[in-house]
C-alpha atoms as a PDB file:
ATOM      1  CA  MET A   1      85.780  94.375 156.310  1.00  0.00           C
ATOM      2  CA  SER A   2      86.643  95.753 153.056  1.00  0.00           C
ATOM      3  CA  GLN A   3      86.389  93.151 150.125  1.00  0.00           C
ATOM      4  CA  ALA A   4      87.873  95.747 147.628  1.00  0.00           C
ATOM      5  CA  ILE A   5      88.891  93.957 144.419  1.00  0.00           C
ATOM      6  CA  VAL A   6      90.111  97.233 142.787  1.00  0.00           C
ATOM      7  CA  LYS A   7      92.017  99.903 144.699  1.00  0.00           C
ATOM      8  CA  ILE A   8      93.349 103.081 143.122  1.00  0.00           C
ATOM      9  CA  LYS A   9      95.568 105.210 145.378  1.00  0.00           C
ATOM     10  CA  ASP A  10      96.594 108.598 144.426  1.00  0.00           C
ATOM     11  CA  LEU A  11      96.668 107.836 140.689  1.00  0.00           C
ATOM     12  CA  LYS A  12      98.030 110.671 138.594  1.00  0.00           C
ATOM     13  CA  LYS A  13      98.127 110.644 134.769  1.00  0.00           C
ATOM     14  CA  THR A  14      99.758 113.260 132.579  1.00  0.00           C
ATOM     15  CA  PHE A  15      99.990 113.589 128.870  1.00  0.00           C
ATOM     16  CA  GLY A  16     102.877 115.860 128.069  1.00  0.00           C
ATOM     17  CA  LYS A  17     102.461 118.897 130.279  1.00  0.00           C
ATOM     18  CA  GLU A  18      98.739 118.287 130.851  1.00  0.00           C
ATOM     19  CA  GLU A  19      97.761 116.303 134.045  1.00  0.00           C
ATOM     20  CA  VAL A  20      94.524 114.542 133.170  1.00  0.00           C
ATOM     21  CA  LEU A  21      94.067 112.741 136.409  1.00  0.00           C
ATOM     22  CA  HIS A  22      94.737 114.427 139.833  1.00  0.00           C
ATOM     23  CA  SER A  23      95.147 112.174 142.951  1.00  0.00           C
ATOM     24  CA  ILE A  24      92.250 109.684 142.087  1.00  0.00           C
ATOM     25  CA  ASN A  25      91.350 107.476 144.939  1.00  0.00           C
ATOM     26  CA  LEU A  26      88.657 104.773 144.439  1.00  0.00           C
ATOM     27  CA  GLU A  27      87.888 101.221 145.916  1.00  0.00           C
ATOM     28  CA  VAL A  28      85.558  98.887 144.438  1.00  0.00           C
ATOM     29  CA  GLU A  29      84.304  95.951 146.492  1.00  0.00           C
ATOM     30  CA  LYS A  30      83.593  92.396 145.189  1.00  0.00           C
ATOM     31  CA  GLY A  31      80.244  92.362 143.605  1.00  0.00           C
ATOM     32  CA  GLU A  32      79.938  96.061 143.355  1.00  0.00           C
ATOM     33  CA  VAL A  33      78.631  97.836 140.330  1.00  0.00           C
ATOM     34  CA  VAL A  34      80.163 101.398 140.235  1.00  0.00           C
ATOM     35  CA  CYS A  35      79.064 103.770 137.472  1.00  0.00           C
ATOM     36  CA  VAL A  36      81.344 106.617 136.666  1.00  0.00           C
ATOM     37  CA  LEU A  37      79.566 109.838 135.328  1.00  0.00           C
ATOM     38  CA  GLY A  38      80.892 113.106 133.844  1.00  0.00           C
ATOM     39  CA  PRO A  39      81.379 115.244 130.977  1.00  0.00           C
ATOM     40  CA  SER A  40      83.542 114.463 128.086  1.00  0.00           C
ATOM     41  CA  GLY A  41      87.389 115.177 129.027  1.00  0.00           C
ATOM     42  CA  SER A  42      86.703 114.752 132.503  1.00  0.00           C
ATOM     43  CA  GLY A  43      89.203 111.796 132.695  1.00  0.00           C
ATOM     44  CA  LYS A  44      86.641 108.699 133.182  1.00  0.00           C
ATOM     45  CA  SER A  45      88.109 106.623 130.323  1.00  0.00           C
ATOM     46  CA  THR A  46      91.583 107.428 131.216  1.00  0.00           C
ATOM     47  CA  MET A  47      90.982 106.150 134.632  1.00  0.00           C
ATOM     48  CA  LEU A  48      89.427 102.980 133.232  1.00  0.00           C
ATOM     49  CA  ARG A  49      92.353 102.505 131.091  1.00  0.00           C
ATOM     50  CA  CYS A  50      94.753 103.003 133.826  1.00  0.00           C
ATOM     51  CA  ILE A  51      93.134  99.988 135.660  1.00  0.00           C
ATOM     52  CA  ASN A  52      94.568  97.625 133.152  1.00  0.00           C
ATOM     53  CA  LEU A  53      97.486  99.571 131.956  1.00  0.00           C
ATOM     54  CA  LEU A  54      96.292 100.532 128.426  1.00  0.00           C
ATOM     55  CA  GLU A  55      97.529 103.652 129.706  1.00  0.00           C
ATOM     56  CA  VAL A  56     100.307 103.765 132.139  1.00  0.00           C
ATOM     57  CA  PRO A  57      99.785 105.792 135.373  1.00  0.00           C
ATOM     58  CA  THR A  58     102.385 108.601 135.891  1.00  0.00           C
ATOM     59  CA  SER A  59     102.379 107.945 139.693  1.00  0.00           C
ATOM     60  CA  GLY A  60     100.154 106.187 142.198  1.00  0.00           C
ATOM     61  CA  GLU A  61      99.002 102.617 142.608  1.00  0.00           C
ATOM     62  CA  VAL A  62      96.559 100.425 140.816  1.00  0.00           C
ATOM     63  CA  TRP A  63      95.623  97.179 142.810  1.00  0.00           C
ATOM     64  CA  VAL A  64      93.628  94.309 141.507  1.00  0.00           C
ATOM     65  CA  ASN A  65      92.902  91.734 144.172  1.00  0.00           C
ATOM     66  CA  ASP A  66      96.364  91.515 145.765  1.00  0.00           C
ATOM     67  CA  THR A  67      98.397  92.510 142.991  1.00  0.00           C
ATOM     68  CA  GLN A  68      99.735  96.076 142.306  1.00  0.00           C
ATOM     69  CA  ILE A  69      99.420  95.815 138.565  1.00  0.00           C
ATOM     70  CA  ASN A  70     101.659  99.028 137.799  1.00  0.00           C
ATOM     71  CA  ALA A  71     104.524  97.921 140.194  1.00  0.00           C
ATOM     72  CA  LYS A  72     107.826  97.162 138.609  1.00  0.00           C
ATOM     73  CA  GLY A  73     108.273  93.512 137.717  1.00  0.00           C
ATOM     74  CA  THR A  74     104.410  92.566 137.689  1.00  0.00           C
ATOM     75  CA  ASP A  75     103.463  90.340 134.962  1.00  0.00           C
ATOM     76  CA  ILE A  76     101.096  92.368 133.108  1.00  0.00           C
ATOM     77  CA  ASN A  77      99.608  89.861 131.045  1.00  0.00           C
ATOM     78  CA  LYS A  78      98.749  87.705 133.957  1.00  0.00           C
ATOM     79  CA  ALA A  79      97.338  90.562 135.917  1.00  0.00           C
ATOM     80  CA  ARG A  80      95.086  91.450 132.952  1.00  0.00           C
ATOM     81  CA  GLU A  81      93.625  88.094 133.000  1.00  0.00           C
ATOM     82  CA  GLN A  82      91.484  89.235 136.232  1.00  0.00           C
ATOM     83  CA  LEU A  83      90.103  92.070 133.856  1.00  0.00           C
ATOM     84  CA  GLY A  84      87.633  92.139 131.101  1.00  0.00           C
ATOM     85  CA  MET A  85      87.211  95.321 129.171  1.00  0.00           C
ATOM     86  CA  VAL A  86      84.647  96.336 126.674  1.00  0.00           C
ATOM     87  CA  PHE A  87      85.036  99.343 124.545  1.00  0.00           C
ATOM     88  CA  GLN A  88      82.977 101.804 122.639  1.00  0.00           C
ATOM     89  CA  GLN A  89      84.384 100.275 119.578  1.00  0.00           C
ATOM     90  CA  PHE A  90      83.688  96.533 119.046  1.00  0.00           C
ATOM     91  CA  ASN A  91      86.996  95.581 117.847  1.00  0.00           C
ATOM     92  CA  LEU A  92      85.832  92.234 116.406  1.00  0.00           C
ATOM     93  CA  PHE A  93      87.976  90.368 113.677  1.00  0.00           C
ATOM     94  CA  PRO A  94      85.949  90.903 110.459  1.00  0.00           C
ATOM     95  CA  HIS A  95      87.325  87.609 109.084  1.00  0.00           C
ATOM     96  CA  LYS A  96      86.047  85.480 112.124  1.00  0.00           C
ATOM     97  CA  THR A  97      82.484  84.403 113.113  1.00  0.00           C
ATOM     98  CA  ALA A  98      81.042  85.604 116.339  1.00  0.00           C
ATOM     99  CA  GLN A  99      82.097  82.228 117.822  1.00  0.00           C
ATOM    100  CA  GLY A 100      85.456  82.510 116.206  1.00  0.00           C
ATOM    101  CA  ASN A 101      86.018  85.886 117.852  1.00  0.00           C
ATOM    102  CA  VAL A 102      85.159  84.560 121.233  1.00  0.00           C
ATOM    103  CA  GLU A 103      87.296  81.536 120.806  1.00  0.00           C
ATOM    104  CA  LEU A 104      90.494  83.409 119.658  1.00  0.00           C
ATOM    105  CA  ALA A 105      91.778  84.522 123.193  1.00  0.00           C
ATOM    106  CA  LEU A 106      90.793  81.203 124.738  1.00  0.00           C
ATOM    107  CA  ARG A 107      92.987  79.374 122.170  1.00  0.00           C
ATOM    108  CA  LYS A 108      95.843  81.823 121.961  1.00  0.00           C
ATOM    109  CA  VAL A 109      96.098  83.200 125.431  1.00  0.00           C
ATOM    110  CA  ARG A 110      94.746  80.349 127.646  1.00  0.00           C
ATOM    111  CA  LYS A 111      95.953  77.582 125.304  1.00  0.00           C
ATOM    112  CA  LEU A 112      92.672  75.818 125.687  1.00  0.00           C
ATOM    113  CA  PRO A 113      91.882  72.729 123.286  1.00  0.00           C
ATOM    114  CA  LYS A 114      89.839  73.655 120.460  1.00  0.00           C
ATOM    115  CA  GLU A 115      86.625  71.626 121.795  1.00  0.00           C
ATOM    116  CA  VAL A 116      86.932  73.340 125.009  1.00  0.00           C
ATOM    117  CA  ALA A 117      87.243  76.801 123.588  1.00  0.00           C
ATOM    118  CA  GLN A 118      84.180  76.071 121.388  1.00  0.00           C
ATOM    119  CA  SER A 119      82.068  74.906 124.318  1.00  0.00           C
ATOM    120  CA  ILE A 120      82.952  78.133 126.297  1.00  0.00           C
ATOM    121  CA  ALA A 121      82.312  80.320 123.260  1.00  0.00           C
ATOM    122  CA  VAL A 122      78.613  78.838 122.716  1.00  0.00           C
ATOM    123  CA  GLU A 123      78.115  79.108 126.411  1.00  0.00           C
ATOM    124  CA  GLN A 124      78.965  82.852 126.562  1.00  0.00           C
ATOM    125  CA  LEU A 125      77.263  83.759 123.375  1.00  0.00           C
ATOM    126  CA  THR A 126      74.134  82.003 124.768  1.00  0.00           C
ATOM    127  CA  ARG A 127      74.578  84.157 127.919  1.00  0.00           C
ATOM    128  CA  VAL A 128      74.395  87.318 125.809  1.00  0.00           C
ATOM    129  CA  GLY A 129      71.408  86.147 123.824  1.00  0.00           C
ATOM    130  CA  LEU A 130      73.431  85.297 120.573  1.00  0.00           C
ATOM    131  CA  ALA A 131      73.339  81.587 120.560  1.00  0.00           C
ATOM    132  CA  ASP A 132      71.667  81.647 116.922  1.00  0.00           C
ATOM    133  CA  ARG A 133      74.240  84.116 115.556  1.00  0.00           C
ATOM    134  CA  ALA A 134      77.462  82.087 116.440  1.00  0.00           C
ATOM    135  CA  ASP A 135      78.167  81.469 112.815  1.00  0.00           C
ATOM    136  CA  TYR A 136      77.527  85.022 111.673  1.00  0.00           C
ATOM    137  CA  TYR A 137      80.311  87.400 110.689  1.00  0.00           C
ATOM    138  CA  PRO A 138      80.499  90.899 112.299  1.00  0.00           C
ATOM    139  CA  SER A 139      79.238  92.261 108.874  1.00  0.00           C
ATOM    140  CA  GLN A 140      76.201  90.328 109.397  1.00  0.00           C
ATOM    141  CA  LEU A 141      75.444  91.613 112.850  1.00  0.00           C
ATOM    142  CA  SER A 142      74.065  94.787 114.023  1.00  0.00           C
ATOM    143  CA  GLY A 143      76.193  97.001 116.283  1.00  0.00           C
ATOM    144  CA  GLY A 144      74.210  96.020 119.389  1.00  0.00           C
ATOM    145  CA  GLN A 145      74.839  92.503 118.449  1.00  0.00           C
ATOM    146  CA  GLN A 146      78.452  92.999 117.775  1.00  0.00           C
ATOM    147  CA  GLN A 147      78.790  94.689 121.108  1.00  0.00           C
ATOM    148  CA  ARG A 148      77.156  91.654 122.793  1.00  0.00           C
ATOM    149  CA  VAL A 149      79.832  89.452 121.012  1.00  0.00           C
ATOM    150  CA  ALA A 150      82.440  91.823 122.477  1.00  0.00           C
ATOM    151  CA  ILE A 151      81.071  91.322 125.955  1.00  0.00           C
ATOM    152  CA  ALA A 152      80.890  87.603 125.443  1.00  0.00           C
ATOM    153  CA  ARG A 153      84.609  87.582 124.476  1.00  0.00           C
ATOM    154  CA  ALA A 154      85.546  89.333 127.536  1.00  0.00           C
ATOM    155  CA  LEU A 155      83.321  87.022 129.837  1.00  0.00           C
ATOM    156  CA  ALA A 156      84.926  84.108 128.342  1.00  0.00           C
ATOM    157  CA  MET A 157      88.227  84.661 129.980  1.00  0.00           C
ATOM    158  CA  GLU A 158      86.504  84.407 133.398  1.00  0.00           C
ATOM    159  CA  PRO A 159      87.583  87.916 134.824  1.00  0.00           C
ATOM    160  CA  THR A 160      86.889  89.019 138.247  1.00  0.00           C
ATOM    161  CA  VAL A 161      86.263  92.551 137.199  1.00  0.00           C
ATOM    162  CA  MET A 162      84.391  93.973 134.133  1.00  0.00           C
ATOM    163  CA  LEU A 163      85.389  97.399 132.715  1.00  0.00           C
ATOM    164  CA  PHE A 164      82.780  98.959 130.399  1.00  0.00           C
ATOM    165  CA  ASP A 165      83.924 102.207 128.512  1.00  0.00           C
ATOM    166  CA  GLU A 166      81.013 103.904 127.039  1.00  0.00           C
ATOM    167  CA  VAL A 167      79.780 100.712 125.434  1.00  0.00           C
ATOM    168  CA  THR A 168      76.571 101.969 124.061  1.00  0.00           C
ATOM    169  CA  SER A 169      77.482 105.525 122.928  1.00  0.00           C
ATOM    170  CA  SER A 170      78.228 104.535 119.306  1.00  0.00           C
ATOM    171  CA  LEU A 171      74.874 102.552 118.987  1.00  0.00           C
ATOM    172  CA  ASP A 172      71.665 103.635 117.548  1.00  0.00           C
ATOM    173  CA  PRO A 173      69.066 104.189 120.390  1.00  0.00           C
ATOM    174  CA  GLU A 174      66.984 101.406 119.601  1.00  0.00           C
ATOM    175  CA  LEU A 175      70.067  98.779 119.806  1.00  0.00           C
ATOM    176  CA  VAL A 176      71.017 100.128 123.342  1.00  0.00           C
ATOM    177  CA  ARG A 177      68.463  98.377 125.293  1.00  0.00           C
ATOM    178  CA  ASP A 178      69.711  94.795 124.537  1.00  0.00           C
ATOM    179  CA  VAL A 179      73.219  95.715 125.575  1.00  0.00           C
ATOM    180  CA  LEU A 180      72.096  97.366 128.754  1.00  0.00           C
ATOM    181  CA  ASN A 181      70.078  94.208 129.627  1.00  0.00           C
ATOM    182  CA  VAL A 182      73.079  92.017 129.197  1.00  0.00           C
ATOM    183  CA  MET A 183      74.937  94.470 131.587  1.00  0.00           C
ATOM    184  CA  ARG A 184      71.786  94.347 134.108  1.00  0.00           C
ATOM    185  CA  ASP A 185      72.166  90.455 134.032  1.00  0.00           C
ATOM    186  CA  LEU A 186      75.757  90.603 134.783  1.00  0.00           C
ATOM    187  CA  ALA A 187      75.083  92.933 137.705  1.00  0.00           C
ATOM    188  CA  CYS A 188      72.219  90.894 139.081  1.00  0.00           C
ATOM    189  CA  GLY A 189      74.664  87.755 138.862  1.00  0.00           C
ATOM    190  CA  GLY A 190      77.065  89.425 141.101  1.00  0.00           C
ATOM    191  CA  MET A 191      79.737  90.530 138.510  1.00  0.00           C
ATOM    192  CA  THR A 192      81.916  93.284 139.857  1.00  0.00           C
ATOM    193  CA  MET A 193      81.629  96.132 137.240  1.00  0.00           C
ATOM    194  CA  ILE A 194      82.985  99.684 136.635  1.00  0.00           C
ATOM    195  CA  VAL A 195      80.896 101.315 133.986  1.00  0.00           C
ATOM    196  CA  VAL A 196      81.696 104.619 132.252  1.00  0.00           C
ATOM    197  CA  THR A 197      78.551 105.539 130.741  1.00  0.00           C
ATOM    198  CA  HIS A 198      76.036 108.413 130.037  1.00  0.00           C
ATOM    199  CA  GLU A 199      73.121 106.147 130.381  1.00  0.00           C
ATOM    200  CA  MET A 200      71.522 107.747 133.519  1.00  0.00           C
ATOM    201  CA  GLY A 201      68.711 105.263 133.815  1.00  0.00           C
ATOM    202  CA  PHE A 202      71.166 102.466 134.088  1.00  0.00           C
ATOM    203  CA  ALA A 203      73.355 104.079 136.537  1.00  0.00           C
ATOM    204  CA  ARG A 204      70.312 104.999 138.627  1.00  0.00           C
ATOM    205  CA  ASP A 205      68.713 101.518 138.517  1.00  0.00           C
ATOM    206  CA  VAL A 206      71.551  99.157 138.481  1.00  0.00           C
ATOM    207  CA  SER A 207      74.619 100.816 140.121  1.00  0.00           C
ATOM    208  CA  ASP A 208      75.501 100.426 143.910  1.00  0.00           C
ATOM    209  CA  ARG A 209      77.700 103.574 143.860  1.00  0.00           C
ATOM    210  CA  VAL A 210      77.914 106.468 141.438  1.00  0.00           C
ATOM    211  CA  VAL A 211      81.214 108.465 140.940  1.00  0.00           C
ATOM    212  CA  PHE A 212      81.132 111.870 139.225  1.00  0.00           C
ATOM    213  CA  MET A 213      84.234 112.996 137.694  1.00  0.00           C
ATOM    214  CA  ASP A 214      85.061 116.622 136.335  1.00  0.00           C
ATOM    215  CA  GLY A 215      88.551 118.059 135.380  1.00  0.00           C
ATOM    216  CA  GLY A 216      90.455 114.813 136.335  1.00  0.00           C
ATOM    217  CA  LEU A 217      89.032 114.570 139.773  1.00  0.00           C
ATOM    218  CA  ILE A 218      86.483 112.719 141.571  1.00  0.00           C
ATOM    219  CA  VAL A 219      84.044 115.534 142.595  1.00  0.00           C
ATOM    220  CA  GLU A 220      81.429 113.560 144.311  1.00  0.00           C
ATOM    221  CA  GLU A 221      80.388 109.860 144.990  1.00  0.00           C
ATOM    222  CA  GLY A 222      77.587 108.272 146.765  1.00  0.00           C
ATOM    223  CA  SER A 223      74.517 106.001 146.264  1.00  0.00           C
ATOM    224  CA  PRO A 224      72.433 106.458 143.129  1.00  0.00           C
ATOM    225  CA  GLU A 225      69.744 108.128 145.428  1.00  0.00           C
ATOM    226  CA  GLU A 226      72.286 110.660 146.931  1.00  0.00           C
ATOM    227  CA  ILE A 227      73.853 111.747 143.484  1.00  0.00           C
ATOM    228  CA  PHE A 228      70.743 111.845 141.363  1.00  0.00           C
ATOM    229  CA  GLU A 229      68.225 113.157 144.278  1.00  0.00           C
ATOM    230  CA  ASN A 230      70.501 115.252 146.239  1.00  0.00           C
ATOM    231  CA  PRO A 231      73.875 116.073 144.837  1.00  0.00           C
ATOM    232  CA  GLN A 232      75.986 118.212 147.214  1.00  0.00           C
ATOM    233  CA  ASN A 233      78.493 119.546 144.624  1.00  0.00           C
ATOM    234  CA  GLU A 234      77.548 122.417 142.504  1.00  0.00           C
ATOM    235  CA  ARG A 235      79.367 120.953 139.352  1.00  0.00           C
ATOM    236  CA  THR A 236      77.343 117.641 139.775  1.00  0.00           C
ATOM    237  CA  LYS A 237      74.119 119.688 140.105  1.00  0.00           C
ATOM    238  CA  ASP A 238      75.013 121.600 136.870  1.00  0.00           C
ATOM    239  CA  PHE A 239      75.887 118.407 134.973  1.00  0.00           C
ATOM    240  CA  LEU A 240      72.666 116.599 136.108  1.00  0.00           C
ATOM    241  CA  GLY A 241      70.558 119.570 135.535  1.00  0.00           C
ATOM    242  CA  HIS A 242      71.684 120.037 131.904  1.00  0.00           C
ATOM    243  CA  LEU A 243      70.957 116.445 131.367  1.00  0.00           C
ATOM    244  CA  LYS A 244      67.456 116.811 132.645  1.00  0.00           C
ATOM    245  CA  ILE A 245      66.827 119.851 130.573  1.00  0.00           C
ATOM    246  CA  ALA A 246      68.122 117.962 127.400  1.00  0.00           C
ATOM    247  CA  ALA A 247      65.783 114.870 127.975  1.00  0.00           C
ATOM    248  CA  GLU A 248      62.723 117.075 128.366  1.00  0.00           C
ATOM    249  CA  GLU A 249      63.531 119.023 125.081  1.00  0.00           C
END
């Protein structure tokens, strides 16, 4: 029996006259890690942003647990509490410490007492390996550390699904590993995750399923072994082939 937490049904999204998502259908089950691959402009990030209504779908349905979040009358803010999202840009408040950034939504959105919010913030910063940086401001942290604060901030809200949108693409190569290790730990702990990424090693090693998108369509999906070792679609073969050549140069 399906335990799908996220269900996308016939999702379409247009910007003006341009349709950037064409009838997307996808289900993600509890505890599953799905990595979404594809060239720039293929609709990966738009699909992710439609899941928590940062972009409003033109048509179709987006379900999280038993709630259709794009249905008329849905309490969007309440529905979003089930979704943690981490972006390419860290979006930290520069005037607040790492702990202050993690505490903020706990105080403002969940209305938790200061002491409780502080305790959760310390717990989540410890989880991402930054307990010793709790009192540091973003300007005092590396890009990788700032991204881990952003992950801790999302985790503090206790989401049932984590969405990652190219979270390592703006980092220097030596800082990527620590962020990916945090994500690996989350995956091993059973967190349901949808990860838009160009990190092929991560997708191969950590994902339960790989989705390849191109031109606003899901072109192919399967296990990491199926996609990386024996892709069936010519566009997938071409994309992975170019990546392999680039890695060898």
